């Protein structure tokens, strides 16, 4: 009987009794070396503690909410309201009434042109759809008529009712498996 497959207690014990293996070798792996021994600190502009303390976060949040609410409801922003309230009575105010009338006329013409283009495209799409449906119907009827071999006619006009032969009709060993099962009996 061999002892090759039996574990022994001696190698597992190790330590000083058999000789300290770590004291014998001064080599060590790069994976045994301590790594990442220093932490990285945030630089300026990366949200350091001093930057966060100096910000008034509540005021920033309220300003953003106000801008968002004004944008949603179509109102002027707070800065525009302040700028318009600081106007002097002596400052000239631009009159853009003529431009507004012209722009509304141009806008009406553009809207009429857009409606006309949309109508033309709708008519073109309807025609294209009708042609597509007619072609599909024609192909469907041709397929139906040519699908039945009894209705098909040759180019000569003679009716041909012969059935096509299968590819395996002329095979030598056709239906051999069926014959063998019938022959075997116990």
N, C-alpha and C. Protein backbone atom coordinates (compact mmCIF):
# COMPACT_ATOMS: atom_id res chain seq x y z
N UNK A 1 0.84 -1.16 0.00
CA UNK A 1 0.00 0.00 0.00
C UNK A 1 0.90 1.24 0.00
N UNK A 2 0.51 2.22 -0.85
CA UNK A 2 1.34 3.43 -0.96
C UNK A 2 0.81 4.51 -0.04
N UNK A 3 1.69 5.41 0.33
CA UNK A 3 1.29 6.53 1.19
C UNK A 3 1.25 7.82 0.39
N UNK A 4 1.28 7.72 -0.92
CA UNK A 4 1.36 8.92 -1.75
C UNK A 4 0.11 9.78 -1.64
N UNK A 5 -1.04 9.17 -1.45
CA UNK A 5 -2.28 9.95 -1.44
C UNK A 5 -2.68 10.39 -0.05
N UNK A 6 -1.94 9.99 0.96
CA UNK A 6 -2.31 10.35 2.32
C UNK A 6 -1.69 11.68 2.72
N UNK A 7 -2.49 12.56 3.29
CA UNK A 7 -1.90 13.82 3.75
C UNK A 7 -1.10 13.61 5.02
N UNK A 8 -0.10 14.43 5.17
CA UNK A 8 0.71 14.33 6.39
C UNK A 8 0.50 15.56 7.24
N UNK A 9 0.74 15.43 8.52
CA UNK A 9 0.52 16.52 9.45
C UNK A 9 1.73 17.44 9.51
N UNK A 10 2.89 16.93 9.23
CA UNK A 10 4.12 17.70 9.38
C UNK A 10 4.19 18.94 8.49
N UNK A 11 3.95 18.86 7.19
CA UNK A 11 4.06 20.07 6.37
C UNK A 11 3.04 21.12 6.75
N UNK A 12 1.91 20.72 7.27
CA UNK A 12 0.87 21.67 7.60
C UNK A 12 1.21 22.44 8.86
N UNK A 13 2.04 21.91 9.73
CA UNK A 13 2.36 22.57 10.98
C UNK A 13 3.21 23.80 10.77
N UNK A 14 4.26 23.70 10.04
CA UNK A 14 5.13 24.83 9.75
C UNK A 14 5.68 25.47 11.00
N UNK A 15 6.01 26.78 10.91
CA UNK A 15 6.44 27.54 12.08
C UNK A 15 7.90 27.28 12.44
N UNK A 16 8.26 27.48 13.70
CA UNK A 16 9.64 27.41 14.17
C UNK A 16 10.15 25.97 14.27
N UNK A 17 9.26 25.06 14.52
CA UNK A 17 9.70 23.68 14.72
C UNK A 17 10.39 23.13 13.47
N UNK A 18 9.84 23.45 12.30
CA UNK A 18 10.42 22.91 11.07
C UNK A 18 11.32 23.94 10.40
N UNK A 19 11.36 25.11 10.94
CA UNK A 19 12.13 26.17 10.31
C UNK A 19 11.16 27.19 9.74
N UNK A 20 11.32 28.45 10.06
CA UNK A 20 10.41 29.49 9.61
C UNK A 20 10.70 29.80 8.14
N UNK A 21 9.72 29.52 7.27
CA UNK A 21 9.93 29.72 5.84
C UNK A 21 10.06 31.20 5.50
N UNK A 22 9.35 32.07 6.24
CA UNK A 22 9.43 33.50 5.93
C UNK A 22 10.81 34.05 6.28
N UNK A 23 11.47 33.50 7.27
CA UNK A 23 12.80 33.94 7.64
C UNK A 23 13.84 33.43 6.66
N UNK A 24 13.53 32.32 6.00
CA UNK A 24 14.50 31.75 5.07
C UNK A 24 14.59 32.58 3.79
N UNK A 25 13.48 33.17 3.32
CA UNK A 25 13.47 33.87 2.04
C UNK A 25 13.24 35.35 2.25
N UNK A 26 14.00 36.18 1.57
CA UNK A 26 13.82 37.62 1.64
C UNK A 26 13.07 38.15 0.43
N UNK A 27 12.65 37.27 -0.46
CA UNK A 27 11.90 37.70 -1.64
C UNK A 27 10.43 37.81 -1.29
N UNK A 28 9.77 38.80 -1.90
CA UNK A 28 8.33 38.93 -1.71
C UNK A 28 7.70 39.43 -3.00
N UNK A 29 6.43 39.16 -3.14
CA UNK A 29 5.70 39.48 -4.37
C UNK A 29 5.28 40.94 -4.36
N UNK A 30 5.06 41.47 -5.54
CA UNK A 30 4.58 42.86 -5.63
C UNK A 30 3.16 42.97 -5.10
N UNK A 31 2.46 41.88 -5.03
CA UNK A 31 1.11 41.88 -4.48
C UNK A 31 1.12 41.92 -2.95
N UNK A 32 2.24 41.62 -2.36
CA UNK A 32 2.35 41.66 -0.91
C UNK A 32 2.68 43.06 -0.39
N UNK A 33 3.11 43.95 -1.26
CA UNK A 33 3.50 45.31 -0.87
C UNK A 33 2.23 46.13 -0.62
N UNK A 34 2.21 46.95 0.43
CA UNK A 34 1.04 47.80 0.65
C UNK A 34 0.92 48.83 -0.48
N UNK A 35 -0.30 48.99 -0.97
CA UNK A 35 -0.54 49.92 -2.08
C UNK A 35 -1.62 50.91 -1.68
N UNK A 36 -1.72 52.02 -2.41
CA UNK A 36 -2.72 53.06 -2.19
C UNK A 36 -2.66 53.53 -0.74
N UNK A 37 -1.51 53.99 -0.34
CA UNK A 37 -1.32 54.39 1.05
C UNK A 37 -1.66 55.85 1.29
N UNK A 38 -1.93 56.63 0.24
CA UNK A 38 -2.25 58.05 0.40
C UNK A 38 -3.60 58.33 -0.24
N UNK A 39 -4.39 59.18 0.41
CA UNK A 39 -5.68 59.59 -0.12
C UNK A 39 -5.53 60.80 -1.01
N UNK A 40 -6.38 60.90 -2.03
CA UNK A 40 -6.40 62.10 -2.85
C UNK A 40 -7.38 63.09 -2.23
N UNK A 41 -7.02 64.35 -2.21
CA UNK A 41 -7.89 65.38 -1.66
C UNK A 41 -8.47 66.19 -2.80
N UNK A 42 -9.64 66.78 -2.57
CA UNK A 42 -10.28 67.58 -3.61
C UNK A 42 -9.50 68.86 -3.84
N UNK A 43 -9.41 69.23 -5.11
CA UNK A 43 -8.72 70.45 -5.49
C UNK A 43 -9.76 71.59 -5.56
N UNK A 44 -9.27 72.80 -5.78
CA UNK A 44 -10.16 73.95 -5.92
C UNK A 44 -11.07 73.73 -7.13
N UNK A 45 -12.35 74.02 -6.97
CA UNK A 45 -13.31 73.85 -8.07
C UNK A 45 -13.95 72.48 -8.09
N UNK A 46 -13.60 71.62 -7.16
CA UNK A 46 -14.17 70.28 -7.11
C UNK A 46 -15.13 70.11 -5.94
N UNK A 47 -15.60 71.22 -5.38
CA UNK A 47 -16.56 71.15 -4.28
C UNK A 47 -15.91 70.89 -2.95
N UNK A 48 -14.87 71.66 -2.64
CA UNK A 48 -14.21 71.49 -1.35
C UNK A 48 -15.13 72.00 -0.23
N UNK A 49 -14.76 71.72 1.00
CA UNK A 49 -15.59 72.09 2.15
C UNK A 49 -15.75 73.61 2.22
N UNK A 50 -14.67 74.36 1.96
CA UNK A 50 -14.74 75.82 2.01
C UNK A 50 -15.69 76.37 0.94
N UNK A 51 -15.66 75.78 -0.25
CA UNK A 51 -16.55 76.24 -1.33
C UNK A 51 -18.01 75.98 -0.97
N UNK A 52 -18.28 74.84 -0.41
CA UNK A 52 -19.67 74.51 -0.06
C UNK A 52 -20.16 75.42 1.06
N UNK A 53 -19.30 75.72 2.00
CA UNK A 53 -19.70 76.61 3.11
C UNK A 53 -19.97 78.02 2.62
N UNK A 54 -19.21 78.48 1.64
CA UNK A 54 -19.37 79.86 1.18
C UNK A 54 -20.60 80.04 0.29
N UNK A 55 -21.16 78.98 -0.26
CA UNK A 55 -22.33 79.10 -1.12
C UNK A 55 -23.58 79.23 -0.28
N UNK A 56 -24.54 79.99 -0.81
CA UNK A 56 -25.86 80.09 -0.19
C UNK A 56 -26.77 79.17 -1.00
N UNK A 57 -26.85 77.92 -0.61
CA UNK A 57 -27.56 76.91 -1.40
C UNK A 57 -29.06 77.17 -1.45
N UNK A 58 -29.61 77.69 -0.38
CA UNK A 58 -31.05 77.95 -0.34
C UNK A 58 -31.43 79.03 -1.36
N UNK A 59 -30.62 80.09 -1.44
CA UNK A 59 -30.90 81.17 -2.38
C UNK A 59 -30.75 80.66 -3.82
N UNK A 60 -29.73 79.86 -4.09
CA UNK A 60 -29.54 79.30 -5.42
C UNK A 60 -30.73 78.45 -5.84
N UNK A 61 -31.22 77.63 -4.93
CA UNK A 61 -32.36 76.76 -5.22
C UNK A 61 -33.61 77.59 -5.51
N UNK A 62 -33.85 78.60 -4.71
CA UNK A 62 -35.03 79.45 -4.92
C UNK A 62 -34.94 80.17 -6.26
N UNK A 63 -33.76 80.67 -6.63
CA UNK A 63 -33.60 81.35 -7.92
C UNK A 63 -33.88 80.39 -9.08
N UNK A 64 -33.34 79.17 -9.00
CA UNK A 64 -33.58 78.20 -10.07
C UNK A 64 -35.06 77.82 -10.17
N UNK A 65 -35.70 77.65 -9.02
CA UNK A 65 -37.13 77.34 -9.03
C UNK A 65 -37.94 78.47 -9.63
N UNK A 66 -37.60 79.71 -9.33
CA UNK A 66 -38.31 80.87 -9.85
C UNK A 66 -38.14 80.95 -11.37
N UNK A 67 -36.91 80.75 -11.85
CA UNK A 67 -36.67 80.78 -13.30
C UNK A 67 -37.45 79.68 -14.01
N UNK A 68 -37.47 78.51 -13.40
CA UNK A 68 -38.18 77.38 -14.01
C UNK A 68 -39.68 77.65 -14.05
N UNK A 69 -40.22 78.18 -12.96
CA UNK A 69 -41.66 78.47 -12.89
C UNK A 69 -42.02 79.56 -13.91
N UNK A 70 -41.18 80.60 -14.01
CA UNK A 70 -41.43 81.67 -14.97
C UNK A 70 -41.36 81.17 -16.40
N UNK A 71 -40.40 80.33 -16.68
CA UNK A 71 -40.27 79.79 -18.03
C UNK A 71 -41.49 78.94 -18.39
N UNK A 72 -41.97 78.17 -17.41
CA UNK A 72 -43.10 77.29 -17.65
C UNK A 72 -44.37 78.10 -17.91
N UNK A 73 -44.54 79.19 -17.21
CA UNK A 73 -45.76 79.99 -17.32
C UNK A 73 -45.61 81.15 -18.29
N UNK A 74 -44.47 81.29 -18.93
CA UNK A 74 -44.27 82.32 -19.94
C UNK A 74 -44.06 83.70 -19.37
N UNK A 75 -43.70 83.80 -18.13
CA UNK A 75 -43.46 85.10 -17.52
C UNK A 75 -42.01 85.51 -17.72
N UNK A 76 -41.77 86.81 -17.50
CA UNK A 76 -40.41 87.29 -17.60
C UNK A 76 -39.62 86.85 -16.38
N UNK A 77 -38.32 86.70 -16.57
CA UNK A 77 -37.49 86.30 -15.45
C UNK A 77 -37.33 87.47 -14.47
N UNK A 78 -36.84 87.21 -13.30
CA UNK A 78 -36.70 88.22 -12.27
C UNK A 78 -35.72 89.31 -12.72
N UNK A 79 -34.67 88.91 -13.42
CA UNK A 79 -33.67 89.90 -13.86
C UNK A 79 -34.30 90.85 -14.89
N UNK A 80 -35.13 90.33 -15.78
CA UNK A 80 -35.78 91.20 -16.76
C UNK A 80 -36.76 92.15 -16.07
N UNK A 81 -37.46 91.65 -15.05
CA UNK A 81 -38.40 92.49 -14.32
C UNK A 81 -37.66 93.62 -13.60
N UNK A 82 -36.52 93.32 -13.02
CA UNK A 82 -35.72 94.35 -12.33
C UNK A 82 -35.20 95.35 -13.34
N UNK A 83 -34.74 94.88 -14.50
CA UNK A 83 -34.20 95.78 -15.51
C UNK A 83 -35.30 96.72 -16.03
N UNK A 84 -36.50 96.22 -16.23
CA UNK A 84 -37.58 97.08 -16.75
C UNK A 84 -38.08 98.05 -15.69
N UNK A 85 -37.96 97.70 -14.42
CA UNK A 85 -38.41 98.61 -13.36
C UNK A 85 -37.41 99.74 -13.13
N UNK A 86 -36.19 99.59 -13.58
CA UNK A 86 -35.16 100.62 -13.39
C UNK A 86 -35.14 101.64 -14.54
N UNK A 87 -36.07 101.56 -15.46
CA UNK A 87 -36.08 102.50 -16.57
C UNK A 87 -36.47 103.90 -16.07
N UNK A 88 -35.82 104.90 -16.61
CA UNK A 88 -36.17 106.28 -16.30
C UNK A 88 -37.26 106.75 -17.24
N UNK A 89 -37.98 107.77 -16.82
CA UNK A 89 -39.02 108.33 -17.68
C UNK A 89 -38.41 109.05 -18.86
N UNK A 90 -37.16 109.52 -18.70
CA UNK A 90 -36.50 110.27 -19.76
C UNK A 90 -35.93 109.36 -20.85
N UNK A 91 -35.74 108.06 -20.53
CA UNK A 91 -35.16 107.15 -21.51
C UNK A 91 -36.13 106.91 -22.65
N UNK A 92 -35.62 106.95 -23.88
CA UNK A 92 -36.52 106.68 -25.01
C UNK A 92 -36.88 105.20 -25.07
N UNK A 93 -38.12 104.94 -25.38
CA UNK A 93 -38.60 103.58 -25.50
C UNK A 93 -38.81 103.32 -26.99
N UNK A 94 -38.28 102.21 -27.50
CA UNK A 94 -38.41 101.90 -28.92
C UNK A 94 -39.85 101.51 -29.23
N UNK A 95 -40.37 102.07 -30.31
CA UNK A 95 -41.71 101.69 -30.76
C UNK A 95 -41.55 100.68 -31.89
N UNK A 96 -41.94 99.48 -31.63
CA UNK A 96 -41.83 98.40 -32.61
C UNK A 96 -43.20 98.02 -33.15
N UNK A 97 -44.16 98.97 -33.10
CA UNK A 97 -45.53 98.65 -33.53
C UNK A 97 -45.59 98.33 -35.02
N UNK A 98 -44.84 99.09 -35.84
CA UNK A 98 -44.86 98.84 -37.29
C UNK A 98 -44.30 97.46 -37.60
N UNK A 99 -43.24 97.12 -36.92
CA UNK A 99 -42.62 95.81 -37.14
C UNK A 99 -43.56 94.69 -36.70
N UNK A 100 -44.30 94.91 -35.61
CA UNK A 100 -45.23 93.89 -35.13
C UNK A 100 -46.34 93.63 -36.14
N UNK A 101 -46.85 94.69 -36.77
CA UNK A 101 -47.92 94.52 -37.76
C UNK A 101 -47.39 93.76 -38.97
N UNK A 102 -46.19 94.18 -39.44
CA UNK A 102 -45.60 93.49 -40.59
C UNK A 102 -45.30 92.04 -40.27
N UNK A 103 -44.80 91.78 -39.08
CA UNK A 103 -44.45 90.41 -38.73
C UNK A 103 -45.71 89.56 -38.59
N UNK A 104 -46.82 90.15 -38.12
CA UNK A 104 -48.05 89.36 -38.02
C UNK A 104 -48.59 89.04 -39.42
N UNK A 105 -48.47 90.01 -40.38
CA UNK A 105 -48.89 89.74 -41.77
C UNK A 105 -48.03 88.64 -42.37
N UNK A 106 -46.71 88.74 -42.16
CA UNK A 106 -45.81 87.72 -42.67
C UNK A 106 -46.11 86.37 -42.04
N UNK A 107 -46.42 86.40 -40.77
CA UNK A 107 -46.73 85.16 -40.07
C UNK A 107 -48.01 84.53 -40.62
N UNK A 108 -49.00 85.35 -40.91
CA UNK A 108 -50.25 84.83 -41.47
C UNK A 108 -49.99 84.22 -42.85
N UNK A 109 -49.17 84.89 -43.67
CA UNK A 109 -48.84 84.35 -44.99
C UNK A 109 -48.10 83.02 -44.87
N UNK A 110 -47.16 82.97 -43.96
CA UNK A 110 -46.40 81.73 -43.75
C UNK A 110 -47.31 80.59 -43.28
N UNK A 111 -48.24 80.90 -42.40
CA UNK A 111 -49.17 79.86 -41.93
C UNK A 111 -50.06 79.37 -43.06
N UNK A 112 -50.50 80.29 -43.94
CA UNK A 112 -51.31 79.89 -45.10
C UNK A 112 -50.49 79.01 -46.04
N UNK A 113 -49.24 79.38 -46.26
CA UNK A 113 -48.35 78.58 -47.11
C UNK A 113 -48.12 77.20 -46.51
N UNK A 114 -47.93 77.14 -45.20
CA UNK A 114 -47.74 75.87 -44.51
C UNK A 114 -48.98 74.98 -44.64
N UNK A 115 -50.16 75.56 -44.49
CA UNK A 115 -51.40 74.79 -44.64
C UNK A 115 -51.53 74.25 -46.06
N UNK A 116 -51.19 75.08 -47.07
CA UNK A 116 -51.27 74.65 -48.48
C UNK A 116 -50.30 73.49 -48.74
N UNK A 117 -49.08 73.58 -48.20
CA UNK A 117 -48.09 72.51 -48.39
C UNK A 117 -48.56 71.23 -47.71
N UNK A 118 -49.12 71.36 -46.51
CA UNK A 118 -49.62 70.17 -45.82
C UNK A 118 -50.74 69.50 -46.61
N UNK A 119 -51.63 70.31 -47.20
CA UNK A 119 -52.73 69.76 -47.99
C UNK A 119 -52.20 69.03 -49.22
N UNK A 120 -51.21 69.62 -49.90
CA UNK A 120 -50.62 68.98 -51.09
C UNK A 120 -49.96 67.65 -50.71
N UNK A 121 -49.25 67.64 -49.61
CA UNK A 121 -48.60 66.39 -49.18
C UNK A 121 -49.63 65.33 -48.82
N UNK A 122 -50.72 65.74 -48.19
CA UNK A 122 -51.77 64.77 -47.84
C UNK A 122 -52.38 64.17 -49.10
N UNK A 123 -52.62 65.01 -50.14
CA UNK A 123 -53.17 64.51 -51.41
C UNK A 123 -52.19 63.55 -52.06
N UNK A 124 -50.91 63.91 -52.08
CA UNK A 124 -49.89 63.03 -52.67
C UNK A 124 -49.82 61.70 -51.93
N UNK A 125 -49.86 61.75 -50.61
CA UNK A 125 -49.82 60.51 -49.82
C UNK A 125 -51.05 59.65 -50.09
N UNK A 126 -52.22 60.27 -50.24
CA UNK A 126 -53.44 59.51 -50.51
C UNK A 126 -53.34 58.84 -51.89
N UNK A 127 -52.82 59.56 -52.89
CA UNK A 127 -52.65 58.97 -54.23
C UNK A 127 -51.66 57.82 -54.19
N UNK A 128 -50.56 58.03 -53.50
CA UNK A 128 -49.54 56.98 -53.40
C UNK A 128 -50.11 55.74 -52.70
N UNK A 129 -50.90 55.96 -51.66
CA UNK A 129 -51.51 54.84 -50.93
C UNK A 129 -52.52 54.10 -51.82
N UNK A 130 -53.30 54.85 -52.61
CA UNK A 130 -54.27 54.22 -53.51
C UNK A 130 -53.55 53.37 -54.56
N UNK A 131 -52.46 53.91 -55.13
CA UNK A 131 -51.69 53.15 -56.13
C UNK A 131 -51.09 51.89 -55.50
N UNK A 132 -50.60 52.02 -54.30
CA UNK A 132 -50.00 50.88 -53.61
C UNK A 132 -51.05 49.80 -53.35
N UNK A 133 -52.24 50.20 -52.92
CA UNK A 133 -53.32 49.25 -52.67
C UNK A 133 -53.77 48.56 -53.96
N UNK A 134 -53.86 49.33 -55.07
CA UNK A 134 -54.27 48.75 -56.35
C UNK A 134 -53.24 47.72 -56.81
N UNK A 135 -51.96 48.04 -56.66
CA UNK A 135 -50.90 47.10 -57.07
C UNK A 135 -50.93 45.84 -56.20
N UNK A 136 -51.15 46.01 -54.91
CA UNK A 136 -51.22 44.86 -54.02
C UNK A 136 -52.41 43.97 -54.37
N UNK A 137 -53.53 44.58 -54.72
CA UNK A 137 -54.72 43.81 -55.11
C UNK A 137 -54.47 43.05 -56.42
N UNK A 138 -53.80 43.69 -57.38
CA UNK A 138 -53.50 43.05 -58.65
C UNK A 138 -52.58 41.84 -58.43
N UNK A 139 -51.55 42.02 -57.59
CA UNK A 139 -50.62 40.92 -57.31
C UNK A 139 -51.35 39.79 -56.58
N UNK A 140 -52.26 40.13 -55.69
CA UNK A 140 -53.01 39.12 -54.95
C UNK A 140 -53.88 38.29 -55.89
N UNK A 141 -54.56 38.95 -56.82
CA UNK A 141 -55.42 38.20 -57.75
C UNK A 141 -54.59 37.31 -58.67
N UNK A 142 -53.43 37.82 -59.14
CA UNK A 142 -52.55 36.99 -59.98
C UNK A 142 -52.06 35.77 -59.21
N UNK A 143 -51.73 35.96 -57.96
CA UNK A 143 -51.25 34.84 -57.13
C UNK A 143 -52.36 33.81 -56.93
N UNK A 144 -53.55 34.27 -56.72
CA UNK A 144 -54.68 33.35 -56.53
C UNK A 144 -54.92 32.55 -57.80
N UNK A 145 -54.90 33.22 -58.95
CA UNK A 145 -55.17 32.54 -60.22
C UNK A 145 -54.05 31.58 -60.60
N UNK A 146 -52.81 31.96 -60.32
CA UNK A 146 -51.69 31.10 -60.72
C UNK A 146 -51.37 30.04 -59.67
N UNK A 147 -51.97 30.12 -58.50
CA UNK A 147 -51.66 29.18 -57.43
C UNK A 147 -52.24 27.79 -57.67
N UNK A 148 -53.36 27.67 -58.36
CA UNK A 148 -54.00 26.37 -58.59
C UNK A 148 -53.48 25.78 -59.89
N UNK A 149 -52.81 24.62 -59.87
CA UNK A 149 -52.26 24.06 -61.10
C UNK A 149 -53.34 23.58 -62.07
N UNK A 150 -54.54 23.35 -61.60
CA UNK A 150 -55.60 22.91 -62.49
C UNK A 150 -56.13 24.03 -63.37
N UNK A 151 -55.96 25.26 -62.92
CA UNK A 151 -56.44 26.41 -63.69
C UNK A 151 -55.35 26.95 -64.61
N UNK A 152 -54.10 26.66 -64.35
CA UNK A 152 -53.00 27.20 -65.15
C UNK A 152 -53.08 26.68 -66.58
N UNK A 153 -52.65 27.49 -67.49
CA UNK A 153 -52.63 27.10 -68.90
C UNK A 153 -51.21 27.28 -69.42
N UNK A 154 -50.87 26.46 -70.43
CA UNK A 154 -49.56 26.60 -71.07
C UNK A 154 -49.58 27.79 -72.00
N UNK A 155 -48.43 28.10 -72.56
CA UNK A 155 -48.35 29.18 -73.54
C UNK A 155 -49.12 28.82 -74.80
N UNK A 156 -49.23 27.51 -75.10
CA UNK A 156 -49.91 27.07 -76.31
C UNK A 156 -51.42 27.15 -76.14
N UNK A 157 -51.87 27.21 -74.94
CA UNK A 157 -53.30 27.26 -74.70
C UNK A 157 -53.85 25.91 -74.32
N UNK A 158 -53.04 24.84 -74.37
CA UNK A 158 -53.52 23.52 -73.97
C UNK A 158 -53.53 23.45 -72.45
N UNK A 159 -54.56 22.76 -71.94
CA UNK A 159 -54.61 22.58 -70.50
C UNK A 159 -53.71 21.42 -70.12
N UNK A 160 -52.92 21.59 -69.12
CA UNK A 160 -51.98 20.56 -68.70
C UNK A 160 -52.32 20.19 -67.25
N UNK A 161 -52.73 18.92 -67.05
CA UNK A 161 -53.14 18.49 -65.74
C UNK A 161 -52.18 17.48 -65.13
N UNK A 162 -50.95 17.42 -65.62
CA UNK A 162 -50.01 16.44 -65.08
C UNK A 162 -49.46 16.94 -63.74
N UNK A 163 -49.28 16.02 -62.84
CA UNK A 163 -48.76 16.35 -61.52
C UNK A 163 -47.25 16.21 -61.57
N UNK A 164 -46.54 17.12 -60.97
CA UNK A 164 -45.07 17.07 -60.98
C UNK A 164 -44.59 15.90 -60.15
N UNK A 165 -43.48 15.32 -60.58
CA UNK A 165 -42.88 14.23 -59.83
C UNK A 165 -42.06 14.80 -58.70
N UNK A 166 -42.02 14.06 -57.61
CA UNK A 166 -41.20 14.47 -56.48
C UNK A 166 -39.74 14.19 -56.80
N UNK A 167 -38.84 14.81 -56.08
CA UNK A 167 -37.41 14.65 -56.34
C UNK A 167 -36.92 13.27 -55.94
N UNK A 168 -37.65 12.59 -55.05
CA UNK A 168 -37.18 11.29 -54.60
C UNK A 168 -37.98 10.12 -55.20
N UNK A 169 -38.75 10.37 -56.27
CA UNK A 169 -39.53 9.29 -56.89
C UNK A 169 -38.64 8.25 -57.55
N UNK A 170 -37.50 8.63 -58.08
CA UNK A 170 -36.65 7.69 -58.80
C UNK A 170 -35.49 7.17 -57.96
N UNK A 171 -35.56 7.30 -56.65
CA UNK A 171 -34.50 6.83 -55.76
C UNK A 171 -34.58 5.31 -55.65
N UNK A 172 -33.42 4.66 -55.61
CA UNK A 172 -33.36 3.21 -55.60
C UNK A 172 -33.90 2.63 -54.30
N UNK A 173 -33.49 3.16 -53.17
CA UNK A 173 -33.84 2.57 -51.88
C UNK A 173 -35.01 3.31 -51.23
N UNK A 174 -36.07 3.49 -51.95
CA UNK A 174 -37.21 4.22 -51.43
C UNK A 174 -38.04 3.31 -50.52
N UNK A 175 -38.45 3.78 -49.37
CA UNK A 175 -39.29 3.06 -48.40
C UNK A 175 -38.65 1.75 -47.92
N UNK A 176 -37.36 1.70 -47.78
CA UNK A 176 -36.69 0.49 -47.31
C UNK A 176 -36.95 0.26 -45.83
N UNK A 177 -37.02 1.29 -45.06
CA UNK A 177 -37.20 1.15 -43.62
C UNK A 177 -38.53 0.50 -43.30
N UNK A 178 -39.56 0.78 -44.03
CA UNK A 178 -40.87 0.19 -43.77
C UNK A 178 -40.85 -1.32 -44.04
N UNK A 179 -40.15 -1.71 -45.11
CA UNK A 179 -40.11 -3.12 -45.47
C UNK A 179 -39.36 -3.93 -44.41
N UNK A 180 -38.27 -3.39 -43.86
CA UNK A 180 -37.49 -4.12 -42.87
C UNK A 180 -38.28 -4.38 -41.60
N UNK A 181 -39.06 -3.44 -41.16
CA UNK A 181 -39.83 -3.62 -39.94
C UNK A 181 -40.85 -4.72 -40.11
N UNK A 182 -41.41 -4.83 -41.30
CA UNK A 182 -42.42 -5.87 -41.51
C UNK A 182 -41.78 -7.25 -41.56
N UNK A 183 -40.53 -7.35 -42.07
CA UNK A 183 -39.86 -8.64 -42.20
C UNK A 183 -39.40 -9.19 -40.85
N UNK A 184 -38.99 -8.33 -39.94
CA UNK A 184 -38.47 -8.78 -38.66
C UNK A 184 -39.62 -9.21 -37.77
N UNK A 185 -39.53 -10.47 -37.31
CA UNK A 185 -40.57 -10.95 -36.39
C UNK A 185 -39.93 -11.91 -35.40
N UNK A 186 -40.36 -11.88 -34.19
CA UNK A 186 -39.77 -12.73 -33.16
C UNK A 186 -40.75 -13.74 -32.68
